[in-house]
Structure formats: structure tokens, C-alpha cells
Amino acid sequence: MTSKLQDVLIENALDYYGQKPFVYLTHRVNSYSVDPSIYFETSKLETLAGFGVIAKEYKAKSNAEIEKLFLKKPFRIFEDLNEAISWAKSLIK
């Protein structure tokens, strides 16, 4: 079962990107965690080519490592935004 927020995010992604592949990058400046179950449905989104987390704090990276286990798409953790953008571009070429 999907959450209302997840439904909105998926709908917005489909509206904006249509059938073009995209990579979701999240720049975690503030520390927070995400309910990992959200990734089960997100993995079904065919146009999602990958998921990247940009984080410098240990806790944020640790949370992302756990989230990574639930997404069946390429998932990388970065400390540098530019590296994440380069990686994302490489996935959608």
C-alpha cells in the first residue's frame, strides 16, 4: 500500500518527466530518515533510473545505507553534489 505523499511524488515525477528516464537526487542537509517501505513501490516506477543521496553527516549516510537495501534500482551515496550529478547523467545517457 502506498502513502499519500508517495502517490503525490510519483504522480509529479510522471507529470514532469513523462516516459523519459530520470534519477532522483536528495541533498540531505538536515538529518532525517525515510520510511524504507516507500522504496518498494518506488522501485516499480519504470522511468526511475537511479536514486542518489548527497550527505556529509554519518547518521544521514547510515540511514541511506539502510534505505538502499529496499530500492531495486541503482542507489549511491555521495558527499559531493557535483559527483552525484555526474553519476545521474551517466545513468540516463
PDB file of N, CA and C in Angstrom:
ATOM      1  N   MET A   1       0.843  -1.182   0.000  1.00  0.00           N
ATOM      2  CA  MET A   1       0.000   0.000   0.000  1.00  0.00           C
ATOM      3  C   MET A   1       0.887   1.243   0.000  1.00  0.00           C
ATOM      4  N   THR A   2       0.556   2.186  -0.822  1.00  0.00           N
ATOM      5  CA  THR A   2       1.368   3.393  -0.914  1.00  0.00           C
ATOM      6  C   THR A   2       0.805   4.477  -0.003  1.00  0.00           C
ATOM      7  N   SER A   3       1.683   5.377   0.392  1.00  0.00           N
ATOM      8  CA  SER A   3       1.246   6.510   1.209  1.00  0.00           C
ATOM      9  C   SER A   3       0.775   7.629   0.290  1.00  0.00           C
ATOM     10  N   LYS A   4       0.035   8.550   0.864  1.00  0.00           N
ATOM     11  CA  LYS A   4      -0.468   9.682   0.082  1.00  0.00           C
ATOM     12  C   LYS A   4       0.695  10.511  -0.461  1.00  0.00           C
ATOM     13  N   LEU A   5       1.724  10.741   0.365  1.00  0.00           N
ATOM     14  CA  LEU A   5       2.891  11.508  -0.062  1.00  0.00           C
ATOM     15  C   LEU A   5       3.599  10.800  -1.210  1.00  0.00           C
ATOM     16  N   GLN A   6       3.756   9.503  -1.089  1.00  0.00           N
ATOM     17  CA  GLN A   6       4.418   8.737  -2.142  1.00  0.00           C
ATOM     18  C   GLN A   6       3.628   8.830  -3.440  1.00  0.00           C
ATOM     19  N   ASP A   7       2.316   8.730  -3.364  1.00  0.00           N
ATOM     20  CA  ASP A   7       1.478   8.846  -4.553  1.00  0.00           C
ATOM     21  C   ASP A   7       1.683  10.197  -5.231  1.00  0.00           C
ATOM     22  N   VAL A   8       1.758  11.254  -4.437  1.00  0.00           N
ATOM     23  CA  VAL A   8       1.957  12.602  -4.979  1.00  0.00           C
ATOM     24  C   VAL A   8       3.321  12.709  -5.646  1.00  0.00           C
ATOM     25  N   LEU A   9       4.353  12.171  -5.006  1.00  0.00           N
ATOM     26  CA  LEU A   9       5.696  12.233  -5.578  1.00  0.00           C
ATOM     27  C   LEU A   9       5.773  11.482  -6.903  1.00  0.00           C
ATOM     28  N   ILE A  10       5.186  10.299  -6.954  1.00  0.00           N
ATOM     29  CA  ILE A  10       5.198   9.508  -8.183  1.00  0.00           C
ATOM     30  C   ILE A  10       4.403  10.212  -9.274  1.00  0.00           C
ATOM     31  N   GLU A  11       3.255  10.738  -8.920  1.00  0.00           N
ATOM     32  CA  GLU A  11       2.425  11.460  -9.897  1.00  0.00           C
ATOM     33  C   GLU A  11       3.175  12.672 -10.454  1.00  0.00           C
ATOM     34  N   ASN A  12       3.844  13.417  -9.577  1.00  0.00           N
ATOM     35  CA  ASN A  12       4.610  14.590 -10.032  1.00  0.00           C
ATOM     36  C   ASN A  12       5.761  14.183 -10.949  1.00  0.00           C
ATOM     37  N   ALA A  13       6.442  13.106 -10.600  1.00  0.00           N
ATOM     38  CA  ALA A  13       7.543  12.629 -11.446  1.00  0.00           C
ATOM     39  C   ALA A  13       7.027  12.240 -12.829  1.00  0.00           C
ATOM     40  N   LEU A  14       5.913  11.525 -12.867  1.00  0.00           N
ATOM     41  CA  LEU A  14       5.344  11.117 -14.149  1.00  0.00           C
ATOM     42  C   LEU A  14       4.853  12.315 -14.957  1.00  0.00           C
ATOM     43  N   ASP A  15       4.248  13.295 -14.273  1.00  0.00           N
ATOM     44  CA  ASP A  15       3.785  14.500 -14.961  1.00  0.00           C
ATOM     45  C   ASP A  15       4.956  15.279 -15.556  1.00  0.00           C
ATOM     46  N   TYR A  16       6.034  15.405 -14.806  1.00  0.00           N
ATOM     47  CA  TYR A  16       7.162  16.221 -15.248  1.00  0.00           C
ATOM     48  C   TYR A  16       8.017  15.501 -16.286  1.00  0.00           C
ATOM     49  N   TYR A  17       8.372  14.236 -16.014  1.00  0.00           N
ATOM     50  CA  TYR A  17       9.292  13.520 -16.897  1.00  0.00           C
ATOM     51  C   TYR A  17       8.606  12.688 -17.968  1.00  0.00           C
ATOM     52  N   GLY A  18       7.331  12.398 -17.785  1.00  0.00           N
ATOM     53  CA  GLY A  18       6.643  11.543 -18.747  1.00  0.00           C
ATOM     54  C   GLY A  18       7.312  10.183 -18.799  1.00  0.00           C
ATOM     55  N   GLN A  19       7.671   9.751 -19.995  1.00  0.00           N
ATOM     56  CA  GLN A  19       8.323   8.452 -20.161  1.00  0.00           C
ATOM     57  C   GLN A  19       9.845   8.560 -20.257  1.00  0.00           C
ATOM     58  N   LYS A  20      10.384   9.759 -19.983  1.00  0.00           N
ATOM     59  CA  LYS A  20      11.839   9.927 -20.019  1.00  0.00           C
ATOM     60  C   LYS A  20      12.442   9.424 -18.708  1.00  0.00           C
ATOM     61  N   PRO A  21      13.562   8.717 -18.787  1.00  0.00           N
ATOM     62  CA  PRO A  21      14.202   8.250 -17.555  1.00  0.00           C
ATOM     63  C   PRO A  21      14.748   9.425 -16.745  1.00  0.00           C
ATOM     64  N   PHE A  22      14.752   9.261 -15.438  1.00  0.00           N
ATOM     65  CA  PHE A  22      15.287  10.294 -14.559  1.00  0.00           C
ATOM     66  C   PHE A  22      15.935   9.645 -13.343  1.00  0.00           C
ATOM     67  N   VAL A  23      16.777  10.425 -12.685  1.00  0.00           N
ATOM     68  CA  VAL A  23      17.434   9.996 -11.445  1.00  0.00           C
ATOM     69  C   VAL A  23      16.996  10.961 -10.357  1.00  0.00           C
ATOM     70  N   TYR A  24      16.609  10.422  -9.226  1.00  0.00           N
ATOM     71  CA  TYR A  24      16.184  11.233  -8.087  1.00  0.00           C
ATOM     72  C   TYR A  24      17.392  11.455  -7.188  1.00  0.00           C
ATOM     73  N   LEU A  25      17.755  12.718  -6.986  1.00  0.00           N
ATOM     74  CA  LEU A  25      18.837  13.073  -6.077  1.00  0.00           C
ATOM     75  C   LEU A  25      18.251  13.826  -4.892  1.00  0.00           C
ATOM     76  N   THR A  26      18.644  13.434  -3.699  1.00  0.00           N
ATOM     77  CA  THR A  26      18.208  14.126  -2.495  1.00  0.00           C
ATOM     78  C   THR A  26      19.436  14.615  -1.741  1.00  0.00           C
ATOM     79  N   HIS A  27      19.500  15.919  -1.543  1.00  0.00           N
ATOM     80  CA  HIS A  27      20.620  16.547  -0.845  1.00  0.00           C
ATOM     81  C   HIS A  27      20.219  16.727   0.613  1.00  0.00           C
ATOM     82  N   ARG A  28      20.701  15.848   1.452  1.00  0.00           N
ATOM     83  CA  ARG A  28      20.280  15.808   2.851  1.00  0.00           C
ATOM     84  C   ARG A  28      21.149  16.716   3.708  1.00  0.00           C
ATOM     85  N   VAL A  29      20.780  17.971   3.712  1.00  0.00           N
ATOM     86  CA  VAL A  29      21.487  18.965   4.520  1.00  0.00           C
ATOM     87  C   VAL A  29      21.115  18.795   5.990  1.00  0.00           C
ATOM     88  N   ASN A  30      19.838  18.554   6.241  1.00  0.00           N
ATOM     89  CA  ASN A  30      19.364  18.307   7.602  1.00  0.00           C
ATOM     90  C   ASN A  30      19.212  16.805   7.804  1.00  0.00           C
ATOM     91  N   SER A  31      19.426  16.360   9.019  1.00  0.00           N
ATOM     92  CA  SER A  31      19.360  14.938   9.318  1.00  0.00           C
ATOM     93  C   SER A  31      17.909  14.487   9.448  1.00  0.00           C
ATOM     94  N   TYR A  32      17.563  13.452   8.696  1.00  0.00           N
ATOM     95  CA  TYR A  32      16.246  12.833   8.811  1.00  0.00           C
ATOM     96  C   TYR A  32      16.330  11.450   8.190  1.00  0.00           C
ATOM     97  N   SER A  33      15.336  10.654   8.454  1.00  0.00           N
ATOM     98  CA  SER A  33      15.282   9.336   7.836  1.00  0.00           C
ATOM     99  C   SER A  33      13.970   9.205   7.081  1.00  0.00           C
ATOM    100  N   VAL A  34      13.938   8.227   6.204  1.00  0.00           N
ATOM    101  CA  VAL A  34      12.773   7.971   5.365  1.00  0.00           C
ATOM    102  C   VAL A  34      12.275   6.571   5.685  1.00  0.00           C
ATOM    103  N   ASP A  35      10.975   6.401   5.698  1.00  0.00           N
ATOM    104  CA  ASP A  35      10.401   5.068   5.893  1.00  0.00           C
ATOM    105  C   ASP A  35      10.829   4.208   4.708  1.00  0.00           C
ATOM    106  N   PRO A  36      11.668   3.198   4.932  1.00  0.00           N
ATOM    107  CA  PRO A  36      12.193   2.412   3.815  1.00  0.00           C
ATOM    108  C   PRO A  36      11.131   1.688   2.995  1.00  0.00           C
ATOM    109  N   SER A  37       9.969   1.453   3.557  1.00  0.00           N
ATOM    110  CA  SER A  37       8.932   0.747   2.801  1.00  0.00           C
ATOM    111  C   SER A  37       8.469   1.547   1.579  1.00  0.00           C
ATOM    112  N   ILE A  38       8.716   2.838   1.566  1.00  0.00           N
ATOM    113  CA  ILE A  38       8.340   3.674   0.423  1.00  0.00           C
ATOM    114  C   ILE A  38       9.060   3.223  -0.847  1.00  0.00           C
ATOM    115  N   TYR A  39      10.223   2.596  -0.681  1.00  0.00           N
ATOM    116  CA  TYR A  39      11.022   2.198  -1.827  1.00  0.00           C
ATOM    117  C   TYR A  39      10.472   0.982  -2.565  1.00  0.00           C
ATOM    118  N   PHE A  40       9.643   0.169  -1.928  1.00  0.00           N
ATOM    119  CA  PHE A  40       9.061  -0.979  -2.615  1.00  0.00           C
ATOM    120  C   PHE A  40       8.231  -0.523  -3.810  1.00  0.00           C
ATOM    121  N   GLU A  41       7.370   0.451  -3.602  1.00  0.00           N
ATOM    122  CA  GLU A  41       6.542   0.966  -4.695  1.00  0.00           C
ATOM    123  C   GLU A  41       7.360   1.825  -5.645  1.00  0.00           C
ATOM    124  N   THR A  42       8.282   2.603  -5.101  1.00  0.00           N
ATOM    125  CA  THR A  42       9.107   3.467  -5.932  1.00  0.00           C
ATOM    126  C   THR A  42       9.922   2.639  -6.920  1.00  0.00           C
ATOM    127  N   SER A  43      10.348   1.461  -6.509  1.00  0.00           N
ATOM    128  CA  SER A  43      11.120   0.577  -7.395  1.00  0.00           C
ATOM    129  C   SER A  43      10.334   0.174  -8.635  1.00  0.00           C
ATOM    130  N   LYS A  44       9.022   0.209  -8.555  1.00  0.00           N
ATOM    131  CA  LYS A  44       8.182  -0.178  -9.679  1.00  0.00           C
ATOM    132  C   LYS A  44       8.083   0.913 -10.743  1.00  0.00           C
ATOM    133  N   LEU A  45       8.541   2.102 -10.428  1.00  0.00           N
ATOM    134  CA  LEU A  45       8.488   3.222 -11.368  1.00  0.00           C
ATOM    135  C   LEU A  45       9.538   2.987 -12.454  1.00  0.00           C
ATOM    136  N   GLU A  46       9.087   2.582 -13.631  1.00  0.00           N
ATOM    137  CA  GLU A  46       9.992   2.167 -14.700  1.00  0.00           C
ATOM    138  C   GLU A  46      10.941   3.265 -15.152  1.00  0.00           C
ATOM    139  N   THR A  47      10.523   4.501 -15.102  1.00  0.00           N
ATOM    140  CA  THR A  47      11.367   5.586 -15.605  1.00  0.00           C
ATOM    141  C   THR A  47      12.407   6.056 -14.585  1.00  0.00           C
ATOM    142  N   LEU A  48      12.303   5.582 -13.351  1.00  0.00           N
ATOM    143  CA  LEU A  48      13.312   5.927 -12.348  1.00  0.00           C
ATOM    144  C   LEU A  48      14.566   5.116 -12.636  1.00  0.00           C
ATOM    145  N   ALA A  49      15.624   5.807 -13.063  1.00  0.00           N
ATOM    146  CA  ALA A  49      16.866   5.132 -13.447  1.00  0.00           C
ATOM    147  C   ALA A  49      17.807   4.938 -12.264  1.00  0.00           C
ATOM    148  N   GLY A  50      17.639   5.729 -11.224  1.00  0.00           N
ATOM    149  CA  GLY A  50      18.519   5.612 -10.070  1.00  0.00           C
ATOM    150  C   GLY A  50      18.127   6.593  -8.985  1.00  0.00           C
ATOM    151  N   PHE A  51      18.766   6.423  -7.839  1.00  0.00           N
ATOM    152  CA  PHE A  51      18.462   7.236  -6.664  1.00  0.00           C
ATOM    153  C   PHE A  51      19.774   7.568  -5.982  1.00  0.00           C
ATOM    154  N   GLY A  52      20.018   8.838  -5.744  1.00  0.00           N
ATOM    155  CA  GLY A  52      21.256   9.250  -5.099  1.00  0.00           C
ATOM    156  C   GLY A  52      20.995  10.112  -3.881  1.00  0.00           C
ATOM    157  N   VAL A  53      21.811   9.902  -2.870  1.00  0.00           N
ATOM    158  CA  VAL A  53      21.739  10.692  -1.639  1.00  0.00           C
ATOM    159  C   VAL A  53      23.057  11.436  -1.490  1.00  0.00           C
ATOM    160  N   ILE A  54      22.967  12.737  -1.289  1.00  0.00           N
ATOM    161  CA  ILE A  54      24.144  13.546  -1.009  1.00  0.00           C
ATOM    162  C   ILE A  54      24.085  13.889   0.475  1.00  0.00           C
ATOM    163  N   ALA A  55      25.088  13.425   1.215  1.00  0.00           N
ATOM    164  CA  ALA A  55      25.098  13.637   2.665  1.00  0.00           C
ATOM    165  C   ALA A  55      26.531  13.651   3.165  1.00  0.00           C
ATOM    166  N   LYS A  56      26.778  14.471   4.168  1.00  0.00           N
ATOM    167  CA  LYS A  56      28.108  14.523   4.771  1.00  0.00           C
ATOM    168  C   LYS A  56      28.103  13.957   6.184  1.00  0.00           C
ATOM    169  N   GLU A  57      26.972  14.006   6.830  1.00  0.00           N
ATOM    170  CA  GLU A  57      26.868  13.541   8.211  1.00  0.00           C
ATOM    171  C   GLU A  57      26.782  12.016   8.274  1.00  0.00           C
ATOM    172  N   TYR A  58      27.445  11.436   9.267  1.00  0.00           N
ATOM    173  CA  TYR A  58      27.485   9.984   9.440  1.00  0.00           C
ATOM    174  C   TYR A  58      26.078   9.396   9.563  1.00  0.00           C
ATOM    175  N   LYS A  59      25.234  10.031  10.374  1.00  0.00           N
ATOM    176  CA  LYS A  59      23.881   9.496  10.593  1.00  0.00           C
ATOM    177  C   LYS A  59      23.078   9.471   9.294  1.00  0.00           C
ATOM    178  N   ALA A  60      23.181  10.523   8.513  1.00  0.00           N
ATOM    179  CA  ALA A  60      22.451  10.584   7.246  1.00  0.00           C
ATOM    180  C   ALA A  60      22.948   9.497   6.294  1.00  0.00           C
ATOM    181  N   LYS A  61      24.252   9.270   6.266  1.00  0.00           N
ATOM    182  CA  LYS A  61      24.807   8.217   5.407  1.00  0.00           C
ATOM    183  C   LYS A  61      24.365   6.836   5.891  1.00  0.00           C
ATOM    184  N   SER A  62      24.361   6.648   7.204  1.00  0.00           N
ATOM    185  CA  SER A  62      23.928   5.363   7.767  1.00  0.00           C
ATOM    186  C   SER A  62      22.471   5.082   7.428  1.00  0.00           C
ATOM    187  N   ASN A  63      21.622   6.098   7.564  1.00  0.00           N
ATOM    188  CA  ASN A  63      20.209   5.937   7.206  1.00  0.00           C
ATOM    189  C   ASN A  63      20.066   5.579   5.724  1.00  0.00           C
ATOM    190  N   ALA A  64      20.854   6.233   4.885  1.00  0.00           N
ATOM    191  CA  ALA A  64      20.787   5.975   3.448  1.00  0.00           C
ATOM    192  C   ALA A  64      21.238   4.547   3.130  1.00  0.00           C
ATOM    193  N   GLU A  65      22.219   4.043   3.860  1.00  0.00           N
ATOM    194  CA  GLU A  65      22.673   2.653   3.650  1.00  0.00           C
ATOM    195  C   GLU A  65      21.532   1.667   3.910  1.00  0.00           C
ATOM    196  N   ILE A  66      20.732   1.953   4.914  1.00  0.00           N
ATOM    197  CA  ILE A  66      19.575   1.084   5.204  1.00  0.00           C
ATOM    198  C   ILE A  66      18.526   1.228   4.107  1.00  0.00           C
ATOM    199  N   GLU A  67      18.246   2.460   3.706  1.00  0.00           N
ATOM    200  CA  GLU A  67      17.259   2.700   2.647  1.00  0.00           C
ATOM    201  C   GLU A  67      17.661   1.984   1.359  1.00  0.00           C
ATOM    202  N   LYS A  68      18.953   1.955   1.105  1.00  0.00           N
ATOM    203  CA  LYS A  68      19.490   1.341  -0.109  1.00  0.00           C
ATOM    204  C   LYS A  68      19.066  -0.122  -0.254  1.00  0.00           C
ATOM    205  N   LEU A  69      18.884  -0.787   0.859  1.00  0.00           N
ATOM    206  CA  LEU A  69      18.506  -2.203   0.845  1.00  0.00           C
ATOM    207  C   LEU A  69      17.103  -2.435   0.296  1.00  0.00           C
ATOM    208  N   PHE A  70      16.286  -1.403   0.278  1.00  0.00           N
ATOM    209  CA  PHE A  70      14.879  -1.544  -0.092  1.00  0.00           C
ATOM    210  C   PHE A  70      14.561  -1.098  -1.516  1.00  0.00           C
ATOM    211  N   LEU A  71      15.510  -0.466  -2.182  1.00  0.00           N
ATOM    212  CA  LEU A  71      15.265   0.027  -3.539  1.00  0.00           C
ATOM    213  C   LEU A  71      15.941  -0.891  -4.540  1.00  0.00           C
ATOM    214  N   LYS A  72      15.203  -1.328  -5.515  1.00  0.00           N
ATOM    215  CA  LYS A  72      15.740  -2.236  -6.517  1.00  0.00           C
ATOM    216  C   LYS A  72      16.152  -1.478  -7.776  1.00  0.00           C
ATOM    217  N   LYS A  73      16.844  -0.403  -7.567  1.00  0.00           N
ATOM    218  CA  LYS A  73      17.390   0.445  -8.637  1.00  0.00           C
ATOM    219  C   LYS A  73      18.798   0.842  -8.199  1.00  0.00           C
ATOM    220  N   PRO A  74      19.624   1.328  -9.128  1.00  0.00           N
ATOM    221  CA  PRO A  74      20.929   1.836  -8.703  1.00  0.00           C
ATOM    222  C   PRO A  74      20.755   2.905  -7.625  1.00  0.00           C
ATOM    223  N   PHE A  75      21.529   2.786  -6.570  1.00  0.00           N
ATOM    224  CA  PHE A  75      21.416   3.686  -5.411  1.00  0.00           C
ATOM    225  C   PHE A  75      22.832   3.987  -4.949  1.00  0.00           C
ATOM    226  N   ARG A  76      23.191   5.254  -4.926  1.00  0.00           N
ATOM    227  CA  ARG A  76      24.542   5.638  -4.490  1.00  0.00           C
ATOM    228  C   ARG A  76      24.456   6.746  -3.455  1.00  0.00           C
ATOM    229  N   ILE A  77      25.462   6.785  -2.619  1.00  0.00           N
ATOM    230  CA  ILE A  77      25.577   7.806  -1.585  1.00  0.00           C
ATOM    231  C   ILE A  77      26.827   8.625  -1.891  1.00  0.00           C
ATOM    232  N   PHE A  78      26.678   9.929  -1.876  1.00  0.00           N
ATOM    233  CA  PHE A  78      27.763  10.845  -2.220  1.00  0.00           C
ATOM    234  C   PHE A  78      27.967  11.877  -1.117  1.00  0.00           C
ATOM    235  N   GLU A  79      29.150  12.437  -1.064  1.00  0.00           N
ATOM    236  CA  GLU A  79      29.406  13.598  -0.215  1.00  0.00           C
ATOM    237  C   GLU A  79      29.406  14.873  -1.042  1.00  0.00           C
ATOM    238  N   ASP A  80      29.576  14.729  -2.347  1.00  0.00           N
ATOM    239  CA  ASP A  80      29.711  15.885  -3.227  1.00  0.00           C
ATOM    240  C   ASP A  80      28.558  15.931  -4.235  1.00  0.00           C
ATOM    241  N   LEU A  81      27.885  17.051  -4.298  1.00  0.00           N
ATOM    242  CA  LEU A  81      26.736  17.220  -5.196  1.00  0.00           C
ATOM    243  C   LEU A  81      27.138  17.050  -6.658  1.00  0.00           C
ATOM    244  N   ASN A  82      28.271  17.606  -7.051  1.00  0.00           N
ATOM    245  CA  ASN A  82      28.697  17.512  -8.449  1.00  0.00           C
ATOM    246  C   ASN A  82      28.969  16.066  -8.867  1.00  0.00           C
ATOM    247  N   GLU A  83      29.522  15.272  -7.968  1.00  0.00           N
ATOM    248  CA  GLU A  83      29.733  13.848  -8.266  1.00  0.00           C
ATOM    249  C   GLU A  83      28.399  13.141  -8.471  1.00  0.00           C
ATOM    250  N   ALA A  84      27.428  13.482  -7.636  1.00  0.00           N
ATOM    251  CA  ALA A  84      26.098  12.877  -7.756  1.00  0.00           C
ATOM    252  C   ALA A  84      25.450  13.246  -9.087  1.00  0.00           C
ATOM    253  N   ILE A  85      25.590  14.479  -9.490  1.00  0.00           N
ATOM    254  CA  ILE A  85      25.015  14.927 -10.766  1.00  0.00           C
ATOM    255  C   ILE A  85      25.679  14.206 -11.939  1.00  0.00           C
ATOM    256  N   SER A  86      26.994  14.049 -11.889  1.00  0.00           N
ATOM    257  CA  SER A  86      27.711  13.322 -12.952  1.00  0.00           C
ATOM    258  C   SER A  86      27.244  11.875 -13.032  1.00  0.00           C
ATOM    259  N   TRP A  87      27.090  11.247 -11.878  1.00  0.00           N
ATOM    260  CA  TRP A  87      26.612   9.868 -11.833  1.00  0.00           C
ATOM    261  C   TRP A  87      25.209   9.773 -12.435  1.00  0.00           C
ATOM    262  N   ALA A  88      24.344  10.708 -12.044  1.00  0.00           N
ATOM    263  CA  ALA A  88      22.958  10.708 -12.555  1.00  0.00           C
ATOM    264  C   ALA A  88      22.954  10.842 -14.073  1.00  0.00           C
ATOM    265  N   LYS A  89      23.770  11.752 -14.598  1.00  0.00           N
ATOM    266  CA  LYS A  89      23.828  11.927 -16.044  1.00  0.00           C
ATOM    267  C   LYS A  89      24.311  10.662 -16.741  1.00  0.00           C
ATOM    268  N   SER A  90      25.234   9.944 -16.119  1.00  0.00           N
ATOM    269  CA  SER A  90      25.743   8.707 -16.719  1.00  0.00           C
ATOM    270  C   SER A  90      24.667   7.626 -16.787  1.00  0.00           C
ATOM    271  N   LEU A  91      23.727   7.658 -15.870  1.00  0.00           N
ATOM    272  CA  LEU A  91      22.657   6.651 -15.863  1.00  0.00           C
ATOM    273  C   LEU A  91      21.597   6.895 -16.929  1.00  0.00           C
ATOM    274  N   ILE A  92      21.413   8.142 -17.319  1.00  0.00           N
ATOM    275  CA  ILE A  92      20.313   8.437 -18.244  1.00  0.00           C
ATOM    276  C   ILE A  92      20.787   8.698 -19.668  1.00  0.00           C
ATOM    277  N   LYS A  93      22.052   8.465 -19.948  1.00  0.00           N
ATOM    278  CA  LYS A  93      22.554   8.633 -21.318  1.00  0.00           C
ATOM    279  C   LYS A  93      21.997   7.578 -22.225  1.00  0.00           C
TER     280      LYS A  93
END
